[in-house]
Amino acid sequence: MINLRQLHTSLAPIMVLPLLLTLITGVVFQIAAVTGNGNDYVWLLELHTGKFGAIDLHKIYPFLNAAGLLTMIISGMTMWFKRRPRRQR
């Protein structure tokens, strides 16, 4: 069986950049849209969805982000529940 701690530790540094990029571009574009400047920041949506100039990952980028984040959540929670001491009555 896969060691969850190793999986979590090796996946965390890989997932930091795509998740931060998705978070920052989504928030900045939303602020621009609310203030009426959304048309000036459409290029942020391209980054947000995985289009990086000549590299176009928009069809798989959201799924890779979701799979990585879900793996991080499941492995982290599993390790946390295994580590928590149970109350004795």
Protein backbone atom coordinates (compact mmCIF):
# COMPACT_ATOMS: atom_id res chain seq x y z
CA MET A 1 0.00 0.00 0.00
CA ILE A 2 1.12 3.56 -0.69
CA ASN A 3 2.54 5.37 2.31
CA LEU A 4 0.17 8.33 2.72
CA ARG A 5 2.79 10.51 4.36
CA GLN A 6 5.17 10.03 1.41
CA LEU A 7 2.38 10.70 -1.09
CA HIS A 8 1.30 13.84 0.75
CA THR A 9 4.88 15.08 1.17
CA SER A 10 5.81 14.56 -2.46
CA LEU A 11 2.57 15.97 -3.88
CA ALA A 12 2.42 19.13 -1.74
CA PRO A 13 5.29 21.02 -3.43
CA ILE A 14 3.94 20.09 -6.87
CA MET A 15 0.42 21.33 -6.07
CA VAL A 16 1.38 24.66 -4.48
CA LEU A 17 2.02 26.57 -7.71
CA PRO A 18 -1.08 25.50 -9.70
CA LEU A 19 -3.39 26.04 -6.73
CA LEU A 20 -1.93 29.46 -5.91
CA LEU A 21 -2.14 30.45 -9.58
CA THR A 22 -5.78 29.37 -9.75
CA LEU A 23 -6.61 31.16 -6.50
CA ILE A 24 -4.87 34.43 -7.35
CA THR A 25 -6.09 34.68 -10.96
CA GLY A 26 -9.66 33.83 -9.93
CA VAL A 27 -9.77 36.40 -7.13
CA VAL A 28 -8.10 39.18 -9.15
CA PHE A 29 -10.40 38.61 -12.12
CA GLN A 30 -13.46 38.61 -9.87
CA ILE A 31 -12.39 41.91 -8.32
CA ALA A 32 -11.82 43.34 -11.81
CA ALA A 33 -15.25 42.12 -12.95
CA VAL A 34 -17.01 43.59 -9.91
CA THR A 35 -15.34 46.95 -10.45
CA GLY A 36 -16.33 46.95 -14.14
CA ASN A 37 -12.83 46.27 -15.50
CA GLY A 38 -13.31 42.61 -16.40
CA ASN A 39 -12.68 43.16 -20.11
CA ASP A 40 -9.17 44.45 -19.33
CA TYR A 41 -8.30 41.27 -17.43
CA VAL A 42 -9.63 38.51 -19.68
CA TRP A 43 -6.06 37.24 -20.03
CA LEU A 44 -6.28 36.18 -16.36
CA LEU A 45 -9.01 33.70 -17.28
CA GLU A 46 -6.63 32.05 -19.72
CA LEU A 47 -4.09 31.52 -16.95
CA HIS A 48 -6.88 30.49 -14.58
CA THR A 49 -8.02 27.71 -16.90
CA GLY A 50 -4.60 26.43 -17.93
CA LYS A 51 -3.67 28.23 -21.12
CA PHE A 52 -0.05 29.28 -20.72
CA GLY A 53 0.86 30.87 -24.04
CA ALA A 54 1.91 28.10 -26.43
CA ILE A 55 1.15 25.46 -23.78
CA ASP A 56 -2.58 24.85 -23.77
CA LEU A 57 -3.75 22.63 -20.90
CA HIS A 58 -7.26 24.08 -20.59
CA LYS A 59 -8.92 20.71 -21.21
CA ILE A 60 -7.08 18.87 -18.41
CA TYR A 61 -5.81 21.61 -16.06
CA PRO A 62 -8.99 21.84 -13.95
CA PHE A 63 -9.10 18.06 -13.57
CA LEU A 64 -5.43 17.88 -12.59
CA ASN A 65 -5.98 20.66 -10.06
CA ALA A 66 -9.03 18.90 -8.65
CA ALA A 67 -7.36 15.48 -8.51
CA GLY A 68 -4.28 16.90 -6.79
CA LEU A 69 -6.31 18.88 -4.27
CA LEU A 70 -8.62 15.95 -3.55
CA THR A 71 -5.61 13.67 -3.02
CA MET A 72 -4.08 16.21 -0.64
CA ILE A 73 -7.32 16.53 1.33
CA ILE A 74 -7.93 12.79 1.61
CA SER A 75 -4.34 11.92 2.52
CA GLY A 76 -4.12 14.80 5.02
CA MET A 77 -7.39 13.96 6.73
CA THR A 78 -6.54 10.26 6.82
CA MET A 79 -3.20 11.00 8.49
CA TRP A 80 -4.90 13.41 10.90
CA PHE A 81 -7.57 10.90 11.94
CA LYS A 82 -4.96 8.17 12.43
CA ARG A 83 -2.87 10.44 14.63
CA ARG A 84 -5.63 11.81 16.86
CA PRO A 85 -5.81 10.03 20.20
CA ARG A 86 -9.19 8.58 20.97
CA ARG A 87 -11.00 9.64 24.11
CA GLN A 88 -11.27 7.08 26.81
CA ARG A 89 -14.44 6.94 28.86
